[in-house]
Structure formats: structure tokens, C-alpha cells
Amino acid sequence: MKLSQYLDLLQRNNNRPWFTANKNLYDDVRQQWYEDLDRMIACVGQWEPRIVSLQARNASYRIYRDTRFSLDKTPYKNHFSAILSPRGKRLKAADYYVQAGAPGTESLTAGGYWAADRDALRKLRHAMIDNIEEFTEIISDSTMTRLYPDWYGPKLKSAPKGWDRNHPDIDLLRLQVIGRGHELPGNFFDDPSWPEKCADLLRPLKPLVDFINYSLLDE
């Protein structure tokens, strides 16, 4: 069964009795996801040596939703996803992300820093402004602007504390997520060659990921 077909079924039958009765379908699709993701990791590892030892099982997120603090009590996610990080899923630095969504929902490749706390954002804002020529060159690269033209995530309505709202780079300073995403068609992950295509799509993000990690971690 193709991944999109399974996710469509799960989206229309998002309950524990159906999931349990059809656990064999999930197991089969998940195993194929792992195999494909391992191929993608190997491809990405050719230009991103930090993740060469990463395994799909450790990179993938669980299908089970945390419903404790959500009004939506459906028990399962309507997507498969993974983060390519040597640090696991704790998001303490910039990394790469892939999401295969059910038909009609979001599928994407992405890269950047998604869960920055106040101190990390303060440090990154200074890094961007202090190295504005280098940072502008990274985000203005022709491949980057073609595949990842916009910043992903929320922005402050005004200037962050300590910055002039008329600063020439105020649009950068207002970012709350230093990352970019590329939307994929709904059937993208049904293509047997999607791991290689995803690796190619993620590659333009490496300079941005490197800049963030150098700024935060001096690595």
C-alpha cells in the first residue's frame, strides 16, 4: 500500500479500534518508511557528514499524538515525519525535517531552528545582524530563494526587546523561527525515488543550518 493511501485511510478512521484492527497495514507502511528514510539519510550524508550514523528508527517521530493539552483528541497523527539530527529529536540546534502528510494536508522539506528559546533567539539575532552580509548571501542564494522563498513560522508583531523598530533588518529580527520550508505535492512520497529527491531538496538548506549551528554552538 502506498503511504498516501494509508494516511488517507487513517485520517478518515482516526480511532483506536480501526488502528488496532488494521495494525498490519501500519506496520507494513512504517517498515517501508524506515527503509526509504535510511536511503535518504545515506544520500544526505554525502554532503552532511554529521548525520551519516543516523538511523531511520531514531530519526522518525511516533504516529501517536500527545492529546493531554489539545482540544483535538484524535489519537494519531495524519502524517509521517522525521528529523535529521545527530542530537535526536530535542531540537537544541538547527537540523533538517521531512514530513509526509495525508492527502489535503501539509507535506514538506524544511531546515532551520524550530524551537528556539528566548536566549537562543537573542544570540541568533545578534549573529544575523553582526554578520549581515554573510547571512544575506546565504538566504539570497538563487536555489534557496527558488525552493525556500519564505520564512516558516510566526513572527513578532513589533521589534524584539532592545531593538529599534525602524532597524533596516527588522524583518529578520521579528522572526521567531529561523527556518524555511518547501511544500511538496500530496503524492510526492508515493514516488519510489522520493528519498533521493528529498536529499536534493534539503541540500540548499545546509549553509543556513551551518550558520545557525556555528552561531549557537561554535561547531
N, C-alpha and C. Protein backbone atom coordinates (compact mmCIF):
# COMPACT_ATOMS: atom_id res chain seq x y z
N MET A 1 0.84 -1.19 0.00
CA MET A 1 0.00 0.00 0.00
C MET A 1 0.88 1.25 0.00
N LYS A 2 0.51 2.24 -0.80
CA LYS A 2 1.25 3.48 -0.84
C LYS A 2 1.01 4.28 0.44
N LEU A 3 2.01 5.07 0.79
CA LEU A 3 1.93 5.84 2.02
C LEU A 3 0.73 6.78 2.02
N SER A 4 0.48 7.45 0.91
CA SER A 4 -0.65 8.39 0.86
C SER A 4 -1.98 7.68 1.04
N GLN A 5 -2.09 6.45 0.53
CA GLN A 5 -3.32 5.68 0.69
C GLN A 5 -3.55 5.34 2.16
N TYR A 6 -2.48 4.92 2.83
CA TYR A 6 -2.64 4.58 4.24
C TYR A 6 -2.99 5.82 5.06
N LEU A 7 -2.30 6.92 4.82
CA LEU A 7 -2.57 8.13 5.58
C LEU A 7 -3.98 8.65 5.33
N ASP A 8 -4.48 8.47 4.12
CA ASP A 8 -5.86 8.86 3.82
C ASP A 8 -6.83 8.00 4.62
N LEU A 9 -6.58 6.70 4.67
CA LEU A 9 -7.43 5.81 5.47
C LEU A 9 -7.38 6.18 6.95
N LEU A 10 -6.17 6.44 7.45
CA LEU A 10 -6.02 6.79 8.86
C LEU A 10 -6.73 8.09 9.17
N GLN A 11 -6.64 9.06 8.27
CA GLN A 11 -7.28 10.35 8.50
C GLN A 11 -8.80 10.21 8.58
N ARG A 12 -9.35 9.27 7.80
CA ARG A 12 -10.80 9.06 7.79
C ARG A 12 -11.27 8.10 8.88
N ASN A 13 -10.32 7.42 9.52
CA ASN A 13 -10.65 6.43 10.56
C ASN A 13 -9.71 6.61 11.75
N ASN A 14 -9.63 7.85 12.24
CA ASN A 14 -8.64 8.16 13.27
C ASN A 14 -9.20 7.79 14.65
N ASN A 15 -9.19 6.50 14.91
CA ASN A 15 -9.66 5.99 16.20
C ASN A 15 -8.91 4.69 16.51
N ARG A 16 -8.86 4.36 17.78
CA ARG A 16 -8.06 3.21 18.22
C ARG A 16 -8.60 1.87 17.71
N PRO A 17 -9.92 1.64 17.69
CA PRO A 17 -10.40 0.34 17.18
C PRO A 17 -9.97 0.09 15.74
N TRP A 18 -10.11 1.11 14.87
CA TRP A 18 -9.70 0.90 13.48
C TRP A 18 -8.19 0.69 13.38
N PHE A 19 -7.41 1.50 14.09
CA PHE A 19 -5.96 1.37 14.03
C PHE A 19 -5.51 -0.01 14.49
N THR A 20 -6.09 -0.49 15.58
CA THR A 20 -5.72 -1.80 16.11
C THR A 20 -6.10 -2.91 15.16
N ALA A 21 -7.30 -2.82 14.57
CA ALA A 21 -7.75 -3.86 13.65
C ALA A 21 -6.93 -3.89 12.37
N ASN A 22 -6.29 -2.76 12.03
CA ASN A 22 -5.50 -2.67 10.80
C ASN A 22 -4.03 -2.41 11.10
N LYS A 23 -3.57 -2.90 12.25
CA LYS A 23 -2.19 -2.66 12.65
C LYS A 23 -1.20 -3.22 11.63
N ASN A 24 -1.57 -4.27 10.94
CA ASN A 24 -0.66 -4.85 9.94
C ASN A 24 -0.38 -3.86 8.81
N LEU A 25 -1.38 -3.05 8.44
CA LEU A 25 -1.16 -2.05 7.40
C LEU A 25 -0.16 -1.01 7.88
N TYR A 26 -0.34 -0.56 9.10
CA TYR A 26 0.59 0.42 9.66
C TYR A 26 2.00 -0.15 9.73
N ASP A 27 2.13 -1.37 10.19
CA ASP A 27 3.46 -1.98 10.32
C ASP A 27 4.16 -2.07 8.96
N ASP A 28 3.41 -2.44 7.93
CA ASP A 28 4.00 -2.56 6.60
C ASP A 28 4.44 -1.20 6.06
N VAL A 29 3.57 -0.19 6.21
CA VAL A 29 3.89 1.14 5.71
C VAL A 29 5.05 1.75 6.50
N ARG A 30 5.04 1.56 7.80
CA ARG A 30 6.12 2.09 8.62
C ARG A 30 7.45 1.45 8.25
N GLN A 31 7.48 0.15 8.00
CA GLN A 31 8.73 -0.51 7.62
C GLN A 31 9.26 0.05 6.31
N GLN A 32 8.36 0.29 5.35
CA GLN A 32 8.79 0.87 4.08
C GLN A 32 9.31 2.30 4.29
N TRP A 33 8.65 3.04 5.16
CA TRP A 33 9.10 4.39 5.50
C TRP A 33 10.51 4.36 6.07
N TYR A 34 10.77 3.42 6.97
CA TYR A 34 12.11 3.29 7.55
C TYR A 34 13.15 2.99 6.47
N GLU A 35 12.84 2.06 5.58
CA GLU A 35 13.79 1.70 4.54
C GLU A 35 14.07 2.87 3.61
N ASP A 36 13.02 3.57 3.22
CA ASP A 36 13.19 4.73 2.34
C ASP A 36 13.95 5.85 3.06
N LEU A 37 13.62 6.07 4.32
CA LEU A 37 14.28 7.13 5.07
C LEU A 37 15.76 6.82 5.25
N ASP A 38 16.11 5.57 5.46
CA ASP A 38 17.53 5.20 5.55
C ASP A 38 18.26 5.52 4.25
N ARG A 39 17.60 5.30 3.13
CA ARG A 39 18.18 5.68 1.83
C ARG A 39 18.39 7.18 1.75
N MET A 40 17.40 7.95 2.21
CA MET A 40 17.52 9.39 2.16
C MET A 40 18.66 9.87 3.06
N ILE A 41 18.77 9.29 4.25
CA ILE A 41 19.84 9.66 5.17
C ILE A 41 21.20 9.39 4.54
N ALA A 42 21.33 8.26 3.85
CA ALA A 42 22.59 7.95 3.18
C ALA A 42 22.92 8.99 2.11
N CYS A 43 21.91 9.44 1.39
CA CYS A 43 22.12 10.47 0.36
C CYS A 43 22.50 11.80 0.99
N VAL A 44 21.79 12.19 2.03
CA VAL A 44 22.10 13.44 2.71
C VAL A 44 23.50 13.37 3.33
N GLY A 45 23.87 12.20 3.82
CA GLY A 45 25.17 12.03 4.44
C GLY A 45 26.34 12.28 3.51
N GLN A 46 26.09 12.28 2.21
CA GLN A 46 27.16 12.56 1.25
C GLN A 46 27.59 14.02 1.32
N TRP A 47 26.70 14.90 1.75
CA TRP A 47 27.08 16.32 1.88
C TRP A 47 26.88 16.87 3.29
N GLU A 48 26.32 16.06 4.19
CA GLU A 48 26.13 16.47 5.58
C GLU A 48 26.67 15.36 6.49
N PRO A 49 27.99 15.35 6.75
CA PRO A 49 28.60 14.24 7.48
C PRO A 49 28.10 14.07 8.91
N ARG A 50 27.47 15.08 9.48
CA ARG A 50 27.00 14.97 10.87
C ARG A 50 25.97 13.88 11.06
N ILE A 51 25.25 13.51 10.00
CA ILE A 51 24.13 12.58 10.19
C ILE A 51 24.39 11.20 9.58
N VAL A 52 25.62 10.90 9.18
CA VAL A 52 25.88 9.64 8.49
C VAL A 52 25.55 8.42 9.35
N SER A 53 25.67 8.52 10.66
CA SER A 53 25.40 7.37 11.53
C SER A 53 23.95 7.31 12.00
N LEU A 54 23.13 8.25 11.58
CA LEU A 54 21.73 8.31 11.99
C LEU A 54 20.95 7.16 11.38
N GLN A 55 20.03 6.59 12.15
CA GLN A 55 19.16 5.53 11.66
C GLN A 55 17.72 6.01 11.62
N ALA A 56 16.98 5.52 10.62
CA ALA A 56 15.61 5.98 10.42
C ALA A 56 14.74 5.79 11.66
N ARG A 57 14.91 4.70 12.36
CA ARG A 57 14.08 4.43 13.54
C ARG A 57 14.28 5.50 14.61
N ASN A 58 15.49 6.03 14.70
CA ASN A 58 15.76 7.07 15.69
C ASN A 58 15.38 8.46 15.20
N ALA A 59 15.35 8.63 13.88
CA ALA A 59 15.03 9.93 13.30
C ALA A 59 13.52 10.17 13.22
N SER A 60 12.73 9.11 13.14
CA SER A 60 11.29 9.24 12.91
C SER A 60 10.54 9.59 14.18
N TYR A 61 9.50 10.38 14.01
CA TYR A 61 8.59 10.68 15.11
C TYR A 61 7.52 9.61 15.21
N ARG A 62 6.98 9.43 16.39
CA ARG A 62 5.91 8.47 16.60
C ARG A 62 4.61 8.92 15.93
N ILE A 63 3.78 7.96 15.58
CA ILE A 63 2.49 8.27 14.96
C ILE A 63 1.46 8.69 16.01
N TYR A 64 1.75 8.41 17.27
CA TYR A 64 0.79 8.67 18.34
C TYR A 64 0.84 10.13 18.78
N ARG A 65 -0.32 10.76 18.86
CA ARG A 65 -0.41 12.16 19.26
C ARG A 65 -0.42 12.29 20.78
N ASP A 66 0.13 13.37 21.29
CA ASP A 66 0.01 13.74 22.69
C ASP A 66 -1.23 14.62 22.81
N THR A 67 -2.29 14.06 23.34
CA THR A 67 -3.58 14.78 23.39
C THR A 67 -3.85 15.42 24.75
N ARG A 68 -2.88 15.39 25.65
CA ARG A 68 -3.14 15.85 27.01
C ARG A 68 -3.57 17.31 27.07
N PHE A 69 -2.99 18.14 26.24
CA PHE A 69 -3.26 19.59 26.31
C PHE A 69 -3.91 20.11 25.02
N SER A 70 -4.55 19.21 24.29
CA SER A 70 -5.14 19.58 23.00
C SER A 70 -6.64 19.34 23.02
N LEU A 71 -7.38 20.26 22.38
CA LEU A 71 -8.81 20.05 22.21
C LEU A 71 -9.10 18.94 21.21
N ASP A 72 -8.16 18.71 20.30
CA ASP A 72 -8.29 17.63 19.32
C ASP A 72 -7.82 16.34 19.98
N LYS A 73 -8.74 15.42 20.20
CA LYS A 73 -8.42 14.18 20.91
C LYS A 73 -8.21 12.99 19.97
N THR A 74 -8.11 13.24 18.67
CA THR A 74 -7.81 12.12 17.78
C THR A 74 -6.45 11.55 18.17
N PRO A 75 -6.33 10.23 18.23
CA PRO A 75 -5.14 9.62 18.84
C PRO A 75 -3.92 9.54 17.93
N TYR A 76 -4.09 9.74 16.62
CA TYR A 76 -2.96 9.51 15.71
C TYR A 76 -2.71 10.73 14.82
N LYS A 77 -1.46 10.93 14.51
CA LYS A 77 -1.09 11.98 13.57
C LYS A 77 -1.54 11.59 12.16
N ASN A 78 -1.75 12.60 11.31
CA ASN A 78 -2.12 12.31 9.92
C ASN A 78 -0.91 12.46 9.00
N HIS A 79 0.28 12.24 9.56
CA HIS A 79 1.50 12.34 8.76
C HIS A 79 2.60 11.47 9.36
N PHE A 80 3.56 11.12 8.52
CA PHE A 80 4.83 10.55 8.97
C PHE A 80 5.86 11.66 8.89
N SER A 81 6.79 11.69 9.84
CA SER A 81 7.79 12.76 9.82
C SER A 81 9.08 12.28 10.45
N ALA A 82 10.15 13.01 10.15
CA ALA A 82 11.46 12.66 10.69
C ALA A 82 12.32 13.91 10.74
N ILE A 83 13.24 13.92 11.69
CA ILE A 83 14.20 15.00 11.81
C ILE A 83 15.60 14.41 11.67
N LEU A 84 16.40 15.04 10.85
CA LEU A 84 17.76 14.59 10.62
C LEU A 84 18.69 15.40 11.51
N SER A 85 19.04 14.79 12.63
CA SER A 85 19.84 15.47 13.64
C SER A 85 20.71 14.47 14.37
N PRO A 86 21.99 14.77 14.57
CA PRO A 86 22.82 13.88 15.37
C PRO A 86 22.49 13.96 16.85
N ARG A 87 21.62 14.91 17.23
CA ARG A 87 21.26 15.11 18.64
C ARG A 87 19.92 14.49 18.99
N GLY A 88 19.31 13.75 18.09
CA GLY A 88 17.99 13.21 18.36
C GLY A 88 16.92 14.25 18.09
N LYS A 89 15.79 14.14 18.77
CA LYS A 89 14.62 14.96 18.47
C LYS A 89 14.44 16.12 19.44
N ARG A 90 15.46 16.49 20.19
CA ARG A 90 15.29 17.53 21.20
C ARG A 90 15.41 18.95 20.64
N LEU A 91 15.81 19.07 19.41
CA LEU A 91 15.81 20.37 18.74
C LEU A 91 16.60 21.43 19.48
N LYS A 92 17.83 21.10 19.85
CA LYS A 92 18.68 22.07 20.52
C LYS A 92 19.58 22.81 19.55
N ALA A 93 19.38 22.60 18.26
CA ALA A 93 20.15 23.28 17.24
C ALA A 93 19.41 23.16 15.92
N ALA A 94 20.00 23.70 14.87
CA ALA A 94 19.36 23.65 13.56
C ALA A 94 19.55 22.27 12.93
N ASP A 95 18.50 21.79 12.27
CA ASP A 95 18.53 20.48 11.65
C ASP A 95 17.60 20.46 10.43
N TYR A 96 17.43 19.27 9.86
CA TYR A 96 16.61 19.09 8.66
C TYR A 96 15.36 18.27 9.02
N TYR A 97 14.27 18.56 8.32
CA TYR A 97 12.99 17.94 8.66
C TYR A 97 12.26 17.54 7.38
N VAL A 98 11.57 16.39 7.46
CA VAL A 98 10.78 15.89 6.34
C VAL A 98 9.42 15.45 6.88
N GLN A 99 8.35 15.81 6.18
CA GLN A 99 7.01 15.42 6.61
C GLN A 99 6.20 14.96 5.42
N ALA A 100 5.63 13.77 5.54
CA ALA A 100 4.73 13.21 4.53
C ALA A 100 3.33 13.25 5.09
N GLY A 101 2.50 14.14 4.57
CA GLY A 101 1.16 14.33 5.11
C GLY A 101 0.10 13.57 4.35
N ALA A 102 -1.02 13.36 5.00
CA ALA A 102 -2.17 12.76 4.33
C ALA A 102 -2.65 13.68 3.22
N PRO A 103 -3.36 13.14 2.22
CA PRO A 103 -3.89 13.99 1.15
C PRO A 103 -4.67 15.18 1.70
N GLY A 104 -4.35 16.36 1.20
CA GLY A 104 -5.01 17.57 1.64
C GLY A 104 -4.36 18.24 2.84
N THR A 105 -3.30 17.62 3.38
CA THR A 105 -2.57 18.21 4.50
C THR A 105 -1.14 18.52 4.05
N GLU A 106 -0.34 19.02 4.97
CA GLU A 106 0.97 19.54 4.60
C GLU A 106 2.03 18.45 4.49
N SER A 107 2.72 18.45 3.35
CA SER A 107 3.93 17.66 3.15
C SER A 107 5.04 18.65 2.82
N LEU A 108 6.24 18.45 3.39
CA LEU A 108 7.29 19.44 3.16
C LEU A 108 8.66 18.90 3.52
N THR A 109 9.67 19.60 2.97
CA THR A 109 11.03 19.52 3.48
C THR A 109 11.32 20.86 4.14
N ALA A 110 12.17 20.84 5.15
CA ALA A 110 12.45 22.07 5.89
C ALA A 110 13.81 21.97 6.56
N GLY A 111 14.31 23.14 6.96
CA GLY A 111 15.55 23.17 7.70
C GLY A 111 15.66 24.46 8.49
N GLY A 112 16.30 24.39 9.65
CA GLY A 112 16.47 25.56 10.48
C GLY A 112 16.36 25.21 11.94
N TYR A 113 16.04 26.22 12.74
CA TYR A 113 15.93 26.07 14.19
C TYR A 113 14.48 26.35 14.57
N TRP A 114 13.76 25.32 15.03
CA TRP A 114 12.32 25.42 15.17
C TRP A 114 11.85 25.69 16.60
N ALA A 115 12.65 25.40 17.58
CA ALA A 115 12.19 25.52 18.96
C ALA A 115 13.13 26.40 19.77
N ALA A 116 13.50 27.52 19.20
CA ALA A 116 14.47 28.41 19.86
C ALA A 116 13.85 29.06 21.09
N ASP A 117 14.55 28.99 22.20
CA ASP A 117 14.09 29.70 23.39
C ASP A 117 14.56 31.16 23.32
N ARG A 118 14.21 31.93 24.30
CA ARG A 118 14.49 33.37 24.28
C ARG A 118 15.99 33.65 24.15
N ASP A 119 16.79 32.91 24.91
CA ASP A 119 18.24 33.15 24.88
C ASP A 119 18.84 32.79 23.53
N ALA A 120 18.37 31.69 22.95
CA ALA A 120 18.88 31.28 21.63
C ALA A 120 18.49 32.29 20.57
N LEU A 121 17.26 32.77 20.62
CA LEU A 121 16.82 33.77 19.65
C LEU A 121 17.63 35.06 19.78
N ARG A 122 17.90 35.46 21.02
CA ARG A 122 18.71 36.67 21.23
C ARG A 122 20.09 36.50 20.60
N LYS A 123 20.69 35.35 20.81
CA LYS A 123 22.01 35.08 20.26
C LYS A 123 21.98 35.04 18.74
N LEU A 124 20.94 34.42 18.16
CA LEU A 124 20.83 34.34 16.71
C LEU A 124 20.57 35.70 16.07
N ARG A 125 19.78 36.52 16.72
CA ARG A 125 19.53 37.87 16.17
C ARG A 125 20.83 38.66 16.09
N HIS A 126 21.63 38.59 17.13
CA HIS A 126 22.91 39.30 17.09
C HIS A 126 23.83 38.69 16.02
N ALA A 127 23.81 37.38 15.87
CA ALA A 127 24.65 36.73 14.87
C ALA A 127 24.25 37.16 13.46
N MET A 128 22.95 37.22 13.20
CA MET A 128 22.48 37.62 11.87
C MET A 128 22.88 39.06 11.57
N ILE A 129 22.67 39.96 12.52
CA ILE A 129 22.95 41.38 12.28
C ILE A 129 24.45 41.65 12.24
N ASP A 130 25.20 40.99 13.12
CA ASP A 130 26.65 41.20 13.14
C ASP A 130 27.33 40.64 11.89
N ASN A 131 26.68 39.69 11.25
CA ASN A 131 27.23 39.06 10.04
C ASN A 131 26.23 39.18 8.90
N ILE A 132 25.64 40.38 8.76
CA ILE A 132 24.51 40.54 7.86
C ILE A 132 24.87 40.28 6.41
N GLU A 133 26.08 40.62 5.98
CA GLU A 133 26.45 40.37 4.60
C GLU A 133 26.52 38.87 4.32
N GLU A 134 27.14 38.12 5.21
CA GLU A 134 27.21 36.67 5.05
C GLU A 134 25.82 36.05 5.09
N PHE A 135 25.00 36.49 6.05
CA PHE A 135 23.67 35.91 6.19
C PHE A 135 22.79 36.25 4.98
N THR A 136 22.89 37.48 4.50
CA THR A 136 22.11 37.87 3.32
C THR A 136 22.51 37.06 2.11
N GLU A 137 23.80 36.79 1.97
CA GLU A 137 24.26 35.96 0.85
C GLU A 137 23.67 34.55 0.92
N ILE A 138 23.58 34.01 2.13
CA ILE A 138 23.03 32.66 2.31
C ILE A 138 21.56 32.62 1.91
N ILE A 139 20.79 33.55 2.42
CA ILE A 139 19.34 33.48 2.18
C ILE A 139 18.95 34.05 0.82
N SER A 140 19.90 34.68 0.12
CA SER A 140 19.62 35.22 -1.21
C SER A 140 20.12 34.32 -2.33
N ASP A 141 20.71 33.20 -1.97
CA ASP A 141 21.18 32.25 -2.98
C ASP A 141 20.02 31.89 -3.93
N SER A 142 20.30 31.78 -5.21
CA SER A 142 19.24 31.60 -6.19
C SER A 142 18.46 30.30 -5.98
N THR A 143 19.15 29.22 -5.61
CA THR A 143 18.44 27.96 -5.36
C THR A 143 17.61 28.06 -4.09
N MET A 144 18.17 28.70 -3.08
CA MET A 144 17.42 28.89 -1.83
C MET A 144 16.15 29.69 -2.08
N THR A 145 16.25 30.79 -2.78
CA THR A 145 15.08 31.65 -2.99
C THR A 145 14.05 30.98 -3.90
N ARG A 146 14.50 30.09 -4.77
CA ARG A 146 13.56 29.38 -5.65
C ARG A 146 12.79 28.31 -4.88
N LEU A 147 13.49 27.53 -4.06
CA LEU A 147 12.86 26.42 -3.35
C LEU A 147 12.30 26.83 -1.98
N TYR A 148 12.95 27.79 -1.34
CA TYR A 148 12.58 28.20 0.01
C TYR A 148 12.47 29.72 0.08
N PRO A 149 11.49 30.30 -0.59
CA PRO A 149 11.43 31.77 -0.69
C PRO A 149 11.03 32.48 0.59
N ASP A 150 10.35 31.78 1.50
CA ASP A 150 9.79 32.46 2.68
C ASP A 150 10.24 31.79 3.97
N TRP A 151 10.23 32.59 5.03
CA TRP A 151 10.49 32.06 6.36
C TRP A 151 9.26 31.30 6.83
N TYR A 152 9.50 30.26 7.62
CA TYR A 152 8.43 29.37 8.08
C TYR A 152 8.16 29.62 9.55
N GLY A 153 6.91 29.89 9.88
CA GLY A 153 6.58 30.06 11.29
C GLY A 153 6.18 31.48 11.63
N PRO A 154 5.86 31.73 12.91
CA PRO A 154 5.34 33.03 13.34
C PRO A 154 6.42 34.09 13.42
N LYS A 155 5.96 35.34 13.43
CA LYS A 155 6.84 36.50 13.59
C LYS A 155 6.28 37.41 14.68
N LEU A 156 7.15 38.15 15.32
CA LEU A 156 6.70 39.16 16.27
C LEU A 156 5.95 40.27 15.52
N LYS A 157 4.99 40.88 16.18
CA LYS A 157 4.27 41.99 15.56
C LYS A 157 5.09 43.27 15.56
N SER A 158 6.01 43.36 16.50
CA SER A 158 6.86 44.54 16.59
C SER A 158 8.30 44.10 16.76
N ALA A 159 9.17 45.04 17.06
CA ALA A 159 10.59 44.71 17.25
C ALA A 159 10.78 43.95 18.55
N PRO A 160 11.74 43.02 18.59
CA PRO A 160 12.05 42.36 19.87
C PRO A 160 12.66 43.36 20.84
N LYS A 161 12.59 43.01 22.11
CA LYS A 161 13.09 43.90 23.16
C LYS A 161 14.55 44.26 22.91
N GLY A 162 14.83 45.54 22.99
CA GLY A 162 16.20 46.01 22.84
C GLY A 162 16.57 46.40 21.42
N TRP A 163 15.64 46.26 20.47
CA TRP A 163 15.93 46.60 19.08
C TRP A 163 15.00 47.71 18.60
N ASP A 164 15.52 48.54 17.73
CA ASP A 164 14.76 49.64 17.15
C ASP A 164 13.78 49.09 16.11
N ARG A 165 12.51 49.50 16.23
CA ARG A 165 11.52 49.01 15.28
C ARG A 165 11.77 49.51 13.87
N ASN A 166 12.63 50.52 13.73
CA ASN A 166 12.99 51.04 12.41
C ASN A 166 14.34 50.50 11.91
N HIS A 167 14.82 49.45 12.55
CA HIS A 167 16.07 48.83 12.13
C HIS A 167 15.94 48.38 10.68
N PRO A 168 16.98 48.56 9.84
CA PRO A 168 16.88 48.19 8.42
C PRO A 168 16.63 46.70 8.19
N ASP A 169 16.95 45.86 9.16
CA ASP A 169 16.72 44.42 9.03
C ASP A 169 15.67 43.95 10.02
N ILE A 170 14.67 44.79 10.24
CA ILE A 170 13.64 44.47 11.22
C ILE A 170 12.89 43.19 10.85
N ASP A 171 12.74 42.88 9.55
CA ASP A 171 12.04 41.66 9.16
C ASP A 171 12.75 40.41 9.67
N LEU A 172 14.06 40.44 9.68
CA LEU A 172 14.82 39.33 10.24
C LEU A 172 14.70 39.28 11.76
N LEU A 173 14.74 40.43 12.38
CA LEU A 173 14.70 40.49 13.83
C LEU A 173 13.36 40.04 14.40
N ARG A 174 12.31 40.15 13.61
CA ARG A 174 10.98 39.76 14.08
C ARG A 174 10.73 38.26 13.98
N LEU A 175 11.63 37.53 13.34
CA LEU A 175 11.44 36.08 13.19
C LEU A 175 11.46 35.39 14.54
N GLN A 176 10.53 34.47 14.73
CA GLN A 176 10.52 33.62 15.92
C GLN A 176 10.98 32.21 15.61
N VAL A 177 11.00 31.87 14.34
CA VAL A 177 11.53 30.60 13.85
C VAL A 177 12.55 30.93 12.77
N ILE A 178 13.78 30.48 12.93
CA ILE A 178 14.81 30.74 11.93
C ILE A 178 14.89 29.50 11.04
N GLY A 179 13.92 29.37 10.16
CA GLY A 179 13.86 28.18 9.31
C GLY A 179 12.98 28.41 8.10
N ARG A 180 13.18 27.55 7.11
CA ARG A 180 12.41 27.66 5.88
C ARG A 180 11.89 26.28 5.46
N GLY A 181 10.72 26.29 4.80
CA GLY A 181 10.11 25.05 4.36
C GLY A 181 9.73 25.10 2.90
N HIS A 182 9.71 23.92 2.29
CA HIS A 182 9.33 23.78 0.89
C HIS A 182 8.16 22.81 0.81
N GLU A 183 7.01 23.29 0.35
CA GLU A 183 5.81 22.46 0.27
C GLU A 183 5.94 21.45 -0.86
N LEU A 184 5.50 20.22 -0.58
CA LEU A 184 5.57 19.13 -1.56
C LEU A 184 4.16 18.72 -1.98
N PRO A 185 4.01 18.22 -3.21
CA PRO A 185 2.70 17.71 -3.64
C PRO A 185 2.28 16.51 -2.81
N GLY A 186 0.98 16.28 -2.73
CA GLY A 186 0.45 15.24 -1.86
C GLY A 186 0.92 13.84 -2.16
N ASN A 187 1.24 13.58 -3.41
CA ASN A 187 1.66 12.22 -3.79
C ASN A 187 3.18 12.09 -3.88
N PHE A 188 3.91 13.07 -3.38
CA PHE A 188 5.36 13.08 -3.52
C PHE A 188 6.00 11.82 -2.96
N PHE A 189 5.52 11.36 -1.81
CA PHE A 189 6.15 10.23 -1.13
C PHE A 189 5.68 8.88 -1.67
N ASP A 190 4.83 8.89 -2.69
CA ASP A 190 4.48 7.65 -3.39
C ASP A 190 5.49 7.33 -4.49
N ASP A 191 6.30 8.29 -4.86
CA ASP A 191 7.34 8.10 -5.87
C ASP A 191 8.47 7.27 -5.26
N PRO A 192 8.83 6.13 -5.87
CA PRO A 192 9.90 5.29 -5.31
C PRO A 192 11.23 6.02 -5.17
N SER A 193 11.42 7.10 -5.92
CA SER A 193 12.69 7.83 -5.86
C SER A 193 12.63 9.03 -4.92
N TRP A 194 11.61 9.09 -4.05
CA TRP A 194 11.48 10.26 -3.17
C TRP A 194 12.68 10.45 -2.25
N PRO A 195 13.35 9.39 -1.76
CA PRO A 195 14.49 9.65 -0.86
C PRO A 195 15.60 10.47 -1.52
N GLU A 196 15.90 10.14 -2.77
CA GLU A 196 16.94 10.88 -3.49
C GLU A 196 16.48 12.31 -3.79
N LYS A 197 15.21 12.48 -4.14
CA LYS A 197 14.68 13.80 -4.44
C LYS A 197 14.65 14.67 -3.18
N CYS A 198 14.29 14.08 -2.05
CA CYS A 198 14.27 14.83 -0.80
C CYS A 198 15.68 15.28 -0.42
N ALA A 199 16.65 14.40 -0.59
CA ALA A 199 18.03 14.76 -0.27
C ALA A 199 18.48 15.95 -1.09
N ASP A 200 18.11 15.97 -2.38
CA ASP A 200 18.47 17.10 -3.24
C ASP A 200 17.76 18.38 -2.79
N LEU A 201 16.51 18.26 -2.34
CA LEU A 201 15.76 19.43 -1.90
C LEU A 201 16.31 19.99 -0.59
N LEU A 202 16.85 19.14 0.26
CA LEU A 202 17.37 19.59 1.54
C LEU A 202 18.74 20.26 1.41
N ARG A 203 19.49 19.92 0.38
CA ARG A 203 20.87 20.38 0.28
C ARG A 203 21.03 21.90 0.30
N PRO A 204 20.16 22.68 -0.37
CA PRO A 204 20.34 24.14 -0.33
C PRO A 204 20.22 24.74 1.07
N LEU A 205 19.66 23.98 2.02
CA LEU A 205 19.50 24.49 3.38
C LEU A 205 20.77 24.38 4.23
N LYS A 206 21.75 23.64 3.75
CA LYS A 206 22.94 23.41 4.56
C LYS A 206 23.65 24.70 4.99
N PRO A 207 23.86 25.69 4.12
CA PRO A 207 24.51 26.92 4.60
C PRO A 207 23.75 27.60 5.73
N LEU A 208 22.42 27.59 5.67
CA LEU A 208 21.61 28.18 6.74
C LEU A 208 21.76 27.38 8.03
N VAL A 209 21.67 26.06 7.93
CA VAL A 209 21.84 25.20 9.10
C VAL A 209 23.23 25.38 9.71
N ASP A 210 24.25 25.44 8.85
CA ASP A 210 25.62 25.63 9.35
C ASP A 210 25.79 26.97 10.05
N PHE A 211 25.21 28.02 9.47
CA PHE A 211 25.32 29.35 10.07
C PHE A 211 24.70 29.35 11.47
N ILE A 212 23.52 28.78 11.59
CA ILE A 212 22.83 28.76 12.88
C ILE A 212 23.64 27.97 13.91
N ASN A 213 24.11 26.80 13.50
CA ASN A 213 24.83 25.97 14.46
C ASN A 213 26.18 26.56 14.84
N TYR A 214 26.83 27.21 13.89
CA TYR A 214 28.09 27.88 14.23
C TYR A 214 27.83 29.03 15.21
N SER A 215 26.73 29.74 14.97
CA SER A 215 26.41 30.88 15.84
C SER A 215 26.02 30.44 17.25
N LEU A 216 25.33 29.30 17.35
CA LEU A 216 24.86 28.84 18.65
C LEU A 216 25.88 27.98 19.38
N LEU A 217 26.60 27.15 18.60
CA LEU A 217 27.40 26.10 19.21
C LEU A 217 28.87 26.17 18.89
N ASP A 218 29.25 27.09 18.01
CA ASP A 218 30.63 27.19 17.55
C ASP A 218 31.12 25.88 16.96
N GLU A 219 30.21 25.21 16.17
CA GLU A 219 30.62 23.94 15.56
C GLU A 219 30.72 24.09 14.05
